[in-house]
Protein backbone atom coordinates (compact mmCIF):
# COMPACT_ATOMS: atom_id res chain seq x y z
CA MET A 1 -33.55 -7.01 -85.60
CA PRO A 2 -34.20 -5.48 -89.01
CA ASP A 3 -34.18 -7.78 -92.04
CA TYR A 4 -30.89 -7.52 -93.91
CA ALA A 5 -31.96 -9.74 -96.82
CA ASP A 6 -32.67 -6.84 -99.15
CA LEU A 7 -29.17 -5.36 -98.80
CA ALA A 8 -28.32 -7.24 -102.00
CA ARG A 9 -30.41 -4.80 -104.02
CA LEU A 10 -28.19 -1.85 -103.07
CA PRO A 11 -25.32 -0.71 -105.29
CA ALA A 12 -22.05 -2.32 -104.26
CA ASP A 13 -20.55 0.84 -102.71
CA ALA A 14 -23.66 1.59 -100.65
CA ARG A 15 -23.98 -2.07 -99.62
CA SER A 16 -20.40 -2.02 -98.39
CA ARG A 17 -20.92 1.18 -96.36
CA VAL A 18 -24.13 -0.15 -94.82
CA ALA A 19 -22.51 -3.46 -93.89
CA ARG A 20 -19.45 -1.81 -92.30
CA GLY A 21 -21.61 0.67 -90.44
CA LEU A 22 -24.05 -1.95 -89.17
CA LEU A 23 -21.23 -4.17 -87.92
CA ALA A 24 -19.70 -1.29 -85.96
CA LEU A 25 -23.10 -0.17 -84.70
CA ARG A 26 -24.14 -3.66 -83.62
CA ALA A 27 -20.93 -4.09 -81.65
CA SER A 28 -21.56 -0.83 -79.77
CA LEU A 29 -25.23 -1.65 -79.17
CA ASP A 30 -24.40 -5.14 -77.91
CA ALA A 31 -21.91 -3.66 -75.46
CA GLU A 32 -24.14 -0.90 -74.09
CA ILE A 33 -27.79 -1.93 -74.27
CA PRO A 34 -29.23 -5.02 -72.54
CA ALA A 35 -30.85 -7.67 -74.68
CA ARG A 36 -34.59 -7.36 -75.08
CA THR A 37 -36.58 -9.88 -73.06
CA ILE A 38 -39.74 -11.82 -73.91
CA ASP A 39 -41.50 -10.44 -70.83
CA GLY A 40 -40.77 -8.96 -67.42
CA THR A 41 -39.03 -5.81 -68.66
CA VAL A 42 -39.57 -3.12 -71.28
CA LEU A 43 -36.83 -1.03 -72.86
CA VAL A 44 -38.17 2.51 -73.26
CA ALA A 45 -36.28 5.15 -75.27
CA THR A 46 -36.67 8.69 -76.53
CA TRP A 47 -34.91 10.21 -79.52
CA ASN A 48 -35.22 13.57 -81.24
CA LEU A 49 -34.54 12.70 -84.88
CA ARG A 50 -33.60 16.05 -86.32
CA GLU A 51 -36.14 17.26 -88.91
CA PHE A 52 -37.20 13.72 -89.78
CA ASP A 53 -37.19 14.16 -92.75
CA THR A 54 -37.58 17.66 -94.15
CA GLY A 55 -34.70 17.29 -96.61
CA ARG A 56 -33.37 20.72 -95.61
CA PHE A 57 -29.78 19.40 -95.85
CA GLY A 58 -30.65 16.88 -98.51
CA SER A 59 -32.74 13.78 -97.91
CA ARG A 60 -31.48 11.10 -95.58
CA THR A 61 -29.39 8.44 -97.25
CA GLU A 62 -30.23 4.75 -97.41
CA GLU A 63 -27.39 4.20 -94.95
CA ALA A 64 -28.84 6.65 -92.41
CA PHE A 65 -32.28 5.02 -92.48
CA ARG A 66 -30.76 1.62 -91.86
CA PHE A 67 -28.53 2.84 -89.04
CA ILE A 68 -31.47 4.56 -87.34
CA ALA A 69 -33.60 1.41 -87.71
CA GLU A 70 -30.82 -0.72 -86.21
CA ILE A 71 -30.70 1.50 -83.13
CA LEU A 72 -34.47 1.64 -82.68
CA SER A 73 -34.74 -2.14 -83.01
CA ARG A 74 -32.87 -2.57 -79.71
CA PHE A 75 -35.79 -1.06 -77.76
CA ASP A 76 -39.41 -2.07 -77.26
CA VAL A 77 -40.96 1.38 -77.61
CA VAL A 78 -39.41 4.68 -78.68
CA ALA A 79 -40.78 8.22 -78.50
CA ILE A 80 -39.63 10.22 -81.52
CA GLN A 81 -39.70 14.01 -81.79
CA GLU A 82 -39.35 16.28 -84.85
CA VAL A 83 -41.21 14.01 -87.26
CA ALA A 84 -41.92 16.04 -90.38
CA ASP A 85 -45.25 16.85 -91.96
CA ASP A 86 -44.46 14.34 -94.73
CA LEU A 87 -44.66 10.89 -93.12
CA SER A 88 -42.60 9.11 -95.80
CA ALA A 89 -39.53 8.86 -93.57
CA LEU A 90 -41.46 7.41 -90.63
CA LEU A 91 -43.15 4.86 -92.89
CA ARG A 92 -39.78 3.89 -94.39
CA LEU A 93 -38.38 3.41 -90.91
CA GLU A 94 -41.30 1.18 -89.93
CA GLN A 95 -40.77 -0.88 -93.08
CA LEU A 96 -37.11 -1.42 -92.20
CA LEU A 97 -37.96 -2.39 -88.62
CA GLY A 98 -40.15 -5.21 -89.87
CA GLY A 99 -43.72 -6.45 -89.77
CA THR A 100 -44.08 -6.55 -85.99
CA TRP A 101 -43.58 -2.80 -85.58
CA ARG A 102 -46.31 -0.15 -85.52
CA HIS A 103 -46.39 3.62 -85.13
CA LEU A 104 -48.69 6.17 -83.53
CA VAL A 105 -48.32 9.78 -84.62
CA THR A 106 -49.85 13.19 -84.05
CA ASP A 107 -51.06 15.66 -86.61
CA THR A 108 -48.65 18.49 -87.39
CA SER A 109 -48.38 21.27 -84.81
CA LEU A 110 -49.93 24.59 -85.78
CA GLY A 111 -48.36 28.01 -85.27
CA SER A 112 -44.84 29.17 -86.00
CA ALA A 113 -43.48 28.05 -82.60
CA GLY A 114 -44.46 24.44 -83.30
CA ASN A 115 -42.50 24.31 -86.58
CA ARG A 116 -45.11 21.98 -88.16
CA GLU A 117 -43.62 19.05 -86.27
CA ARG A 118 -45.26 15.78 -85.34
CA MET A 119 -44.49 13.46 -82.43
CA ALA A 120 -44.63 9.70 -82.68
CA PHE A 121 -44.20 6.40 -80.92
CA VAL A 122 -42.86 3.28 -82.63
CA TYR A 123 -43.30 0.00 -80.78
CA ASP A 124 -43.02 -3.76 -81.25
CA VAL A 125 -46.38 -5.53 -80.97
CA ARG A 126 -44.65 -8.71 -79.85
CA LYS A 127 -43.88 -6.96 -76.59
CA LEU A 128 -46.48 -4.25 -76.16
CA ASP A 129 -50.18 -3.81 -76.78
CA PHE A 130 -51.59 -0.38 -77.54
CA SER A 131 -54.27 0.11 -74.89
CA GLY A 132 -56.46 2.30 -77.08
CA LEU A 133 -55.69 5.45 -75.10
CA ALA A 134 -54.25 8.20 -77.29
CA GLY A 135 -54.53 11.94 -77.31
CA GLU A 136 -52.80 15.26 -77.65
CA VAL A 137 -52.73 17.01 -74.28
CA VAL A 138 -54.37 20.43 -74.09
CA ILE A 139 -54.12 22.55 -70.93
CA PRO A 140 -57.63 23.47 -69.71
CA ASP A 141 -58.68 27.05 -69.01
CA LYS A 142 -58.84 28.07 -65.37
CA ALA A 143 -61.89 29.98 -64.14
CA GLY A 144 -62.58 31.21 -67.65
CA ALA A 145 -59.10 32.65 -68.12
CA SER A 146 -57.06 31.39 -71.04
CA VAL A 147 -53.82 29.60 -70.20
CA LEU A 148 -50.57 29.02 -72.02
CA GLN A 149 -50.72 26.12 -74.47
CA LEU A 150 -47.54 24.25 -75.32
CA ALA A 151 -46.02 25.22 -78.65
CA ARG A 152 -45.99 21.53 -79.60
CA THR A 153 -48.91 19.61 -78.15
CA PRO A 154 -47.70 16.69 -75.97
CA PHE A 155 -48.74 13.23 -77.14
CA LEU A 156 -49.99 10.67 -74.62
CA CYS A 157 -50.54 6.98 -75.42
CA GLY A 158 -51.37 3.97 -73.27
CA PHE A 159 -49.58 0.62 -73.50
CA ARG A 160 -49.84 -2.78 -71.83
CA ALA A 161 -47.01 -5.22 -71.18
CA GLY A 162 -48.33 -8.39 -69.64
CA ALA A 163 -50.47 -7.33 -66.71
CA THR A 164 -48.82 -3.92 -66.37
CA CYS A 165 -50.48 -0.85 -67.89
CA PHE A 166 -48.70 2.46 -68.31
CA ALA A 167 -48.92 5.65 -70.34
CA LEU A 168 -46.14 7.43 -72.16
CA CYS A 169 -46.38 11.15 -72.78
CA THR A 170 -43.82 12.60 -75.15
CA VAL A 171 -42.95 16.28 -75.28
CA HIS A 172 -40.80 18.70 -77.21
CA LEU A 173 -40.64 21.80 -75.05
CA TYR A 174 -40.16 25.32 -76.33
CA TYR A 175 -36.55 26.32 -76.99
CA GLY A 176 -36.91 30.05 -77.55
CA GLN A 177 -33.97 32.13 -76.34
CA GLY A 178 -31.99 29.23 -74.95
CA ALA A 179 -31.09 28.27 -71.40
CA ARG A 180 -33.10 30.95 -69.57
CA ASP A 181 -36.25 31.22 -71.64
CA PRO A 182 -39.11 31.35 -69.08
CA ARG A 183 -41.71 29.86 -71.43
CA ARG A 184 -40.10 26.43 -71.20
CA THR A 185 -40.58 26.32 -67.44
CA GLN A 186 -44.13 27.63 -67.80
CA GLU A 187 -44.91 24.85 -70.29
CA ILE A 188 -43.65 22.04 -68.07
CA ARG A 189 -45.30 23.51 -64.96
CA ALA A 190 -48.71 23.48 -66.64
CA LEU A 191 -48.24 20.02 -68.16
CA ALA A 192 -46.78 18.36 -65.05
CA ALA A 193 -49.59 19.69 -62.84
CA LEU A 194 -52.24 18.43 -65.26
CA LEU A 195 -50.71 14.98 -65.64
CA ALA A 196 -50.05 14.60 -61.92
CA GLY A 197 -53.73 15.25 -61.27
CA LYS A 198 -54.73 12.56 -63.76
CA ALA A 199 -52.24 10.03 -62.41
CA GLY A 200 -53.47 10.61 -58.87
CA ARG A 201 -56.90 9.15 -59.55
CA PRO A 202 -57.07 5.41 -58.71
CA ASP A 203 -59.29 4.67 -61.73
CA SER A 204 -57.07 6.57 -64.14
CA PRO A 205 -55.58 4.78 -67.16
CA THR A 206 -52.51 6.96 -66.59
CA GLU A 207 -51.86 5.56 -63.11
CA ASN A 208 -48.32 4.70 -64.20
CA LEU A 209 -47.02 7.60 -66.23
CA VAL A 210 -43.72 8.19 -68.04
CA LEU A 211 -43.01 11.69 -69.30
CA LEU A 212 -40.23 11.65 -71.87
CA GLY A 213 -38.81 13.54 -74.81
CA ASP A 214 -36.87 16.67 -75.66
CA PHE A 215 -37.20 19.00 -72.67
CA ASN A 216 -34.47 21.33 -73.96
CA VAL A 217 -32.83 21.08 -70.53
CA PHE A 218 -29.35 22.56 -70.57
CA ASN A 219 -27.99 21.14 -67.30
CA THR A 220 -29.07 19.08 -64.32
CA ASP A 221 -30.00 22.10 -62.15
CA ASP A 222 -32.37 23.46 -64.80
CA ALA A 223 -35.65 24.90 -63.50
CA VAL A 224 -37.56 22.46 -65.71
CA LEU A 225 -36.31 19.50 -63.67
CA THR A 226 -37.07 21.24 -60.39
CA THR A 227 -40.60 21.91 -61.62
CA LEU A 228 -41.05 18.26 -62.58
CA GLU A 229 -39.95 17.10 -59.14
CA SER A 230 -42.29 19.50 -57.37
CA ALA A 231 -45.20 17.98 -59.31
CA GLY A 232 -44.27 14.48 -58.13
CA PHE A 233 -42.31 13.21 -61.10
CA GLY A 234 -38.93 11.64 -60.51
CA VAL A 235 -36.03 11.17 -62.88
CA PRO A 236 -34.87 7.59 -62.22
CA PRO A 237 -31.60 7.53 -60.25
CA GLU A 238 -29.87 5.53 -62.99
CA ILE A 239 -30.52 8.37 -65.45
CA GLN A 240 -29.38 11.22 -63.21
CA PRO A 241 -25.58 10.68 -63.49
CA LEU A 242 -25.60 10.12 -67.25
CA GLY A 243 -23.92 12.62 -69.52
CA GLY A 244 -25.89 14.94 -71.77
CA SER A 245 -27.84 13.75 -74.79
CA SER A 246 -26.73 16.47 -77.20
CA LEU A 247 -24.27 15.20 -79.78
CA ASP A 248 -21.34 16.82 -77.95
CA ARG A 249 -22.72 15.49 -74.59
CA SER A 250 -22.73 18.99 -73.08
CA ARG A 251 -26.50 19.48 -72.71
CA HIS A 252 -29.12 17.32 -71.06
CA TYR A 253 -31.84 18.09 -73.57
CA ASP A 254 -33.63 14.75 -73.35
CA GLN A 255 -35.17 13.40 -70.17
CA ILE A 256 -37.31 10.57 -68.83
CA ALA A 257 -39.38 11.14 -65.68
CA VAL A 258 -41.75 8.75 -63.91
CA LEU A 259 -44.87 9.13 -61.77
CA ALA A 260 -46.08 5.65 -60.89
CA ARG A 261 -47.93 3.52 -58.38
CA GLU A 262 -45.52 1.95 -55.93
CA GLY A 263 -45.21 -1.78 -56.39
CA ARG A 264 -46.74 -1.80 -59.86
CA PHE A 265 -44.16 -0.01 -61.99
CA ALA A 266 -40.45 0.62 -61.54
CA THR A 267 -37.16 0.97 -63.37
CA THR A 268 -34.54 -1.75 -63.07
CA GLY A 269 -31.41 0.34 -62.53
CA ARG A 270 -30.23 0.14 -66.13
CA ALA A 271 -30.24 3.20 -68.39
CA GLY A 272 -27.98 4.97 -70.86
CA VAL A 273 -27.33 7.50 -73.58
CA PHE A 274 -26.28 5.73 -76.76
CA ASP A 275 -23.60 7.59 -78.71
CA TRP A 276 -24.05 6.38 -82.28
CA SER A 277 -21.36 8.82 -83.49
CA ARG A 278 -18.62 6.52 -82.21
CA ALA A 279 -19.69 3.89 -84.76
CA VAL A 280 -21.26 5.65 -87.77
CA PHE A 281 -21.07 9.12 -89.32
CA ARG A 282 -18.01 9.76 -87.15
CA ARG A 283 -16.16 13.07 -87.20
CA GLU A 284 -13.28 11.44 -89.03
CA ASP A 285 -15.53 10.02 -91.76
CA ALA A 286 -15.94 13.25 -93.76
CA ALA A 287 -14.02 11.90 -96.75
CA THR A 288 -16.13 8.74 -96.80
CA TRP A 289 -19.29 10.82 -97.17
CA ALA A 290 -17.97 13.51 -99.52
CA HIS A 291 -19.96 12.00 -102.42
CA ALA A 292 -23.26 12.43 -100.54
CA CYS A 293 -22.48 15.51 -98.45
CA GLY A 294 -21.73 17.64 -101.51
CA ARG A 295 -21.83 21.37 -100.83
CA TYR A 296 -22.96 20.98 -97.22
CA ASP A 297 -20.69 21.24 -94.21
CA TYR A 298 -20.12 17.67 -93.02
CA ALA A 299 -20.46 18.52 -89.32
CA GLN A 300 -23.97 19.90 -89.94
CA TRP A 301 -24.92 17.42 -92.64
CA ARG A 302 -24.34 14.38 -90.46
CA THR A 303 -26.77 15.75 -87.83
CA HIS A 304 -29.44 15.85 -90.55
CA GLN A 305 -28.58 12.28 -91.51
CA MET A 306 -28.76 10.90 -87.97
CA SER A 307 -29.50 13.67 -85.44
CA ASP A 308 -28.01 16.34 -83.22
CA HIS A 309 -29.40 14.30 -80.29
CA LEU A 310 -28.48 10.89 -78.90
CA PRO A 311 -31.14 8.39 -77.82
CA LEU A 312 -31.79 8.17 -74.07
CA TRP A 313 -33.16 4.91 -72.68
CA VAL A 314 -34.21 3.19 -69.47
CA GLU A 315 -35.24 -0.36 -68.66
CA VAL A 316 -38.60 -0.72 -66.90
CA LYS A 317 -39.73 -3.64 -64.76
CA THR A 318 -43.22 -4.87 -65.61
CA ASP A 319 -43.47 -8.21 -63.77
CA PHE A 320 -45.34 -7.56 -60.54
CA ALA A 321 -47.31 -10.81 -60.54
CA ALA A 322 -46.27 -11.85 -57.02
CA ARG A 323 -47.24 -8.46 -55.59
CA MET A 324 -50.60 -8.59 -57.33
CA LEU A 325 -51.32 -12.13 -56.14
CA GLU A 326 -50.45 -11.12 -52.60
CA GLY A 327 -53.01 -8.34 -52.85
CA GLY A 328 -50.54 -5.44 -52.89
């Protein structure tokens, strides 16, 4: 958990708001997310942190940083989308998480469609080792013909938990014109085919592959999900019945899909979408935040303090020692 010792340095009113918010948040997290283990399982999450932190609606408050850190601390590794060009916010978050946390981050995306965003992973070194594999995924040309590149280059990193190796690839697919924009399906078709080919090689460091992030999926029959399945990826069954990950729960923007070697990587049956808005920055808290919200509309402002997305998570099993010893 984050270190709360330095709360004493905050002004009394801010310290009181942080304490009340953290108590409410911790109660919700305790009720919904399983406790982290020493080994055997890994809690994997993805969260689009809206414009983290461009300051377009004013910079994030001290309270928001601490609430975000509290949520992230309940997982072992988190893929974060919409990290801003200025890395100050990400570095502040890592500081709050404590000395055992590290980050991996891309350069900023180029071109207007990429919005100068970065993608990142934050992870706890007590649980995971970075394997050394890291790269932004570029779709290769076919027979000399140029192909569509993703507006925001996917970021793939390798990790090791005990004897289990796996790769996480985080994406933020093109939004465009909304639910029916064809470019989004084109992007995931090209990426899924490329990654499936890599994962299919027995000597590949991406043998166990998790594709996660903001897919901008509107509903569960979206063509993006169908395309993923046709490439061999599967959305774990415990994720499929969950509500949406947009703040109003209506849209299934964020997804986690797996392509793995049988008997060497699996989910445990536990997953969820954590709704932080039931504990902090609630709809009914507008008056509480009037001093910080100022001229901004509270409903919009709070999404730039926390996010317009909710974190999606799944628990992964990593203890396959018996299977390995048996030669499977």
